[in-house]
Amino acid sequence: HLGPVLPALGYGEAQVRELERTLAAAAQHGVEAVAVGTPIDLASIVRIPVPHTRVRYELRLADDAVLDEILEPVLAPLPH
């Protein structure tokens, strides 16, 4: 229900500048707002050209689920 999501993959200078370029391009193509779900105040290091707000989230595992087991297929090393 969220639509396109843009991950911030790092906060090095080059990555921050690339994120700014991406956000600027998104704004030019109709993005109206940004929900910032990073653990840092992203707007303090990146210019966000549209209205934005920080959001929080919480993970609650159902039943006896174990996060390591759930993520294992995703985090397992790729075959050589």
N, C-alpha and C. Protein backbone atom coordinates (compact mmCIF):
# COMPACT_ATOMS: atom_id res chain seq x y z
N HIS A 1 0.81 -1.19 0.00
CA HIS A 1 0.00 0.00 0.00
C HIS A 1 0.86 1.26 0.00
N LEU A 2 2.18 1.12 0.17
CA LEU A 2 3.06 2.29 0.21
C LEU A 2 3.48 2.77 -1.17
N GLY A 3 3.57 1.88 -2.11
CA GLY A 3 4.10 2.26 -3.41
C GLY A 3 5.61 2.15 -3.41
N PRO A 4 6.28 2.85 -4.31
CA PRO A 4 7.73 2.73 -4.42
C PRO A 4 8.44 3.13 -3.13
N VAL A 5 9.49 2.39 -2.81
CA VAL A 5 10.30 2.65 -1.62
C VAL A 5 11.75 2.81 -2.06
N LEU A 6 12.41 3.82 -1.53
CA LEU A 6 13.81 4.09 -1.86
C LEU A 6 14.67 3.82 -0.64
N PRO A 7 15.51 2.79 -0.69
CA PRO A 7 16.36 2.52 0.48
C PRO A 7 17.56 3.45 0.51
N ALA A 8 17.92 3.91 1.69
CA ALA A 8 19.17 4.64 1.88
C ALA A 8 20.19 3.61 2.30
N LEU A 9 21.19 3.36 1.47
CA LEU A 9 22.10 2.26 1.71
C LEU A 9 23.37 2.66 2.43
N GLY A 10 23.56 3.89 2.71
CA GLY A 10 24.76 4.33 3.41
C GLY A 10 24.75 5.84 3.54
N TYR A 11 25.68 6.34 4.34
CA TYR A 11 25.69 7.77 4.61
C TYR A 11 27.04 8.40 4.29
N GLY A 12 27.82 7.76 3.43
CA GLY A 12 29.06 8.36 2.95
C GLY A 12 28.73 9.53 2.05
N GLU A 13 29.69 10.38 1.79
CA GLU A 13 29.45 11.59 0.99
C GLU A 13 28.86 11.28 -0.38
N ALA A 14 29.43 10.31 -1.08
CA ALA A 14 28.94 9.97 -2.42
C ALA A 14 27.52 9.40 -2.34
N GLN A 15 27.25 8.58 -1.34
CA GLN A 15 25.92 8.00 -1.21
C GLN A 15 24.88 9.06 -0.87
N VAL A 16 25.25 10.02 -0.03
CA VAL A 16 24.34 11.10 0.34
C VAL A 16 24.02 11.95 -0.89
N ARG A 17 25.02 12.29 -1.68
CA ARG A 17 24.79 13.10 -2.88
C ARG A 17 23.91 12.36 -3.88
N GLU A 18 24.14 11.05 -4.04
CA GLU A 18 23.32 10.26 -4.95
C GLU A 18 21.88 10.21 -4.46
N LEU A 19 21.68 10.07 -3.16
CA LEU A 19 20.33 10.08 -2.60
C LEU A 19 19.65 11.42 -2.85
N GLU A 20 20.39 12.51 -2.70
CA GLU A 20 19.83 13.84 -2.99
C GLU A 20 19.41 13.95 -4.45
N ARG A 21 20.25 13.46 -5.36
CA ARG A 21 19.89 13.49 -6.80
C ARG A 21 18.64 12.66 -7.06
N THR A 22 18.56 11.50 -6.43
CA THR A 22 17.41 10.62 -6.61
C THR A 22 16.14 11.26 -6.08
N LEU A 23 16.22 11.88 -4.91
CA LEU A 23 15.05 12.55 -4.34
C LEU A 23 14.62 13.74 -5.20
N ALA A 24 15.58 14.48 -5.73
CA ALA A 24 15.25 15.61 -6.60
C ALA A 24 14.55 15.13 -7.87
N ALA A 25 15.05 14.05 -8.44
CA ALA A 25 14.42 13.49 -9.65
C ALA A 25 13.02 12.98 -9.33
N ALA A 26 12.86 12.34 -8.18
CA ALA A 26 11.54 11.83 -7.79
C ALA A 26 10.55 12.99 -7.63
N ALA A 27 11.01 14.08 -7.03
CA ALA A 27 10.14 15.25 -6.85
C ALA A 27 9.72 15.82 -8.20
N GLN A 28 10.62 15.80 -9.16
CA GLN A 28 10.29 16.30 -10.49
C GLN A 28 9.30 15.40 -11.21
N HIS A 29 9.21 14.15 -10.76
CA HIS A 29 8.30 13.20 -11.40
C HIS A 29 7.06 12.93 -10.56
N GLY A 30 6.73 13.84 -9.65
CA GLY A 30 5.44 13.76 -8.98
C GLY A 30 5.42 13.27 -7.55
N VAL A 31 6.57 12.89 -6.99
CA VAL A 31 6.56 12.49 -5.58
C VAL A 31 6.12 13.68 -4.75
N GLU A 32 5.14 13.48 -3.88
CA GLU A 32 4.57 14.59 -3.12
C GLU A 32 5.11 14.68 -1.70
N ALA A 33 5.59 13.56 -1.14
CA ALA A 33 6.07 13.56 0.24
C ALA A 33 6.97 12.36 0.46
N VAL A 34 7.76 12.43 1.53
CA VAL A 34 8.68 11.35 1.87
C VAL A 34 8.49 10.98 3.34
N ALA A 35 8.39 9.69 3.60
CA ALA A 35 8.39 9.18 4.97
C ALA A 35 9.79 8.63 5.23
N VAL A 36 10.50 9.22 6.17
CA VAL A 36 11.89 8.84 6.45
C VAL A 36 11.89 7.83 7.59
N GLY A 37 12.31 6.61 7.30
CA GLY A 37 12.31 5.55 8.29
C GLY A 37 13.70 5.09 8.68
N THR A 38 14.67 5.97 8.62
CA THR A 38 16.03 5.62 9.00
C THR A 38 16.26 5.91 10.48
N PRO A 39 17.28 5.28 11.07
CA PRO A 39 17.53 5.53 12.49
C PRO A 39 18.19 6.88 12.77
N ILE A 40 18.58 7.61 11.74
CA ILE A 40 19.18 8.93 11.94
C ILE A 40 18.24 10.00 11.41
N ASP A 41 18.52 11.24 11.72
CA ASP A 41 17.75 12.36 11.16
C ASP A 41 18.28 12.64 9.77
N LEU A 42 17.75 11.94 8.79
CA LEU A 42 18.24 12.02 7.42
C LEU A 42 18.20 13.44 6.87
N ALA A 43 17.18 14.20 7.24
CA ALA A 43 17.05 15.57 6.73
C ALA A 43 18.17 16.48 7.22
N SER A 44 18.91 16.05 8.22
CA SER A 44 20.03 16.87 8.69
C SER A 44 21.25 16.73 7.79
N ILE A 45 21.27 15.69 6.93
CA ILE A 45 22.42 15.51 6.03
C ILE A 45 22.05 15.47 4.56
N VAL A 46 20.75 15.35 4.26
CA VAL A 46 20.29 15.25 2.88
C VAL A 46 19.20 16.29 2.65
N ARG A 47 19.31 17.00 1.53
CA ARG A 47 18.24 17.94 1.16
C ARG A 47 17.08 17.13 0.59
N ILE A 48 15.92 17.25 1.23
CA ILE A 48 14.72 16.55 0.77
C ILE A 48 13.78 17.61 0.23
N PRO A 49 13.55 17.64 -1.10
CA PRO A 49 12.86 18.76 -1.73
C PRO A 49 11.33 18.74 -1.64
N VAL A 50 10.78 17.83 -0.88
CA VAL A 50 9.33 17.75 -0.71
C VAL A 50 9.04 17.62 0.79
N PRO A 51 7.80 17.84 1.21
CA PRO A 51 7.48 17.65 2.62
C PRO A 51 7.89 16.24 3.08
N HIS A 52 8.39 16.15 4.29
CA HIS A 52 8.85 14.86 4.80
C HIS A 52 8.65 14.78 6.31
N THR A 53 8.58 13.56 6.79
CA THR A 53 8.45 13.33 8.22
C THR A 53 9.18 12.06 8.58
N ARG A 54 9.68 12.01 9.80
CA ARG A 54 10.32 10.79 10.28
C ARG A 54 9.24 9.86 10.82
N VAL A 55 9.39 8.60 10.51
CA VAL A 55 8.46 7.59 11.01
C VAL A 55 9.23 6.57 11.83
N ARG A 56 8.54 5.95 12.73
CA ARG A 56 9.14 4.89 13.55
C ARG A 56 8.42 3.59 13.24
N TYR A 57 9.10 2.53 13.48
CA TYR A 57 8.50 1.23 13.28
C TYR A 57 9.02 0.28 14.35
N GLU A 58 8.28 -0.78 14.55
CA GLU A 58 8.62 -1.76 15.56
C GLU A 58 8.35 -3.14 14.98
N LEU A 59 9.22 -4.06 15.25
CA LEU A 59 9.07 -5.42 14.76
C LEU A 59 8.60 -6.31 15.90
N ARG A 60 7.51 -6.99 15.68
CA ARG A 60 7.02 -7.98 16.64
C ARG A 60 6.86 -9.30 15.89
N LEU A 61 7.57 -10.29 16.34
CA LEU A 61 7.49 -11.60 15.70
C LEU A 61 6.27 -12.35 16.20
N ALA A 62 5.62 -13.04 15.30
CA ALA A 62 4.43 -13.81 15.64
C ALA A 62 4.82 -15.14 16.27
N ASP A 63 4.04 -15.56 17.19
CA ASP A 63 4.19 -16.87 17.82
C ASP A 63 5.62 -17.09 18.32
N ASP A 64 6.21 -18.20 17.94
CA ASP A 64 7.57 -18.54 18.38
C ASP A 64 8.58 -18.28 17.27
N ALA A 65 8.29 -17.38 16.38
CA ALA A 65 9.19 -17.10 15.26
C ALA A 65 10.55 -16.62 15.76
N VAL A 66 11.59 -17.00 15.03
CA VAL A 66 12.95 -16.59 15.35
C VAL A 66 13.48 -15.80 14.16
N LEU A 67 13.88 -14.56 14.41
CA LEU A 67 14.28 -13.66 13.32
C LEU A 67 15.41 -14.25 12.48
N ASP A 68 16.41 -14.86 13.10
CA ASP A 68 17.52 -15.46 12.34
C ASP A 68 17.00 -16.49 11.34
N GLU A 69 16.03 -17.29 11.76
CA GLU A 69 15.49 -18.32 10.88
C GLU A 69 14.67 -17.71 9.74
N ILE A 70 13.95 -16.67 10.04
CA ILE A 70 13.15 -16.00 9.00
C ILE A 70 14.05 -15.38 7.94
N LEU A 71 15.14 -14.76 8.38
CA LEU A 71 16.03 -14.06 7.46
C LEU A 71 17.07 -14.96 6.79
N GLU A 72 17.21 -16.19 7.25
CA GLU A 72 18.24 -17.09 6.72
C GLU A 72 18.24 -17.20 5.20
N PRO A 73 17.08 -17.39 4.55
CA PRO A 73 17.11 -17.50 3.07
C PRO A 73 17.61 -16.22 2.39
N VAL A 74 17.39 -15.09 3.02
CA VAL A 74 17.81 -13.82 2.42
C VAL A 74 19.28 -13.54 2.70
N LEU A 75 19.73 -13.88 3.89
CA LEU A 75 21.09 -13.56 4.30
C LEU A 75 22.10 -14.65 4.01
N ALA A 76 21.65 -15.81 3.60
CA ALA A 76 22.56 -16.91 3.29
C ALA A 76 23.50 -16.51 2.16
N PRO A 77 24.75 -16.95 2.22
CA PRO A 77 25.70 -16.62 1.14
C PRO A 77 25.21 -17.16 -0.20
N LEU A 78 25.51 -16.43 -1.24
CA LEU A 78 25.13 -16.86 -2.59
C LEU A 78 26.03 -18.03 -3.00
N PRO A 79 25.49 -18.99 -3.77
CA PRO A 79 26.33 -20.10 -4.24
C PRO A 79 27.40 -19.59 -5.20
N HIS A 80 28.53 -20.23 -5.20
CA HIS A 80 29.65 -19.81 -6.09
C HIS A 80 29.56 -20.47 -7.41
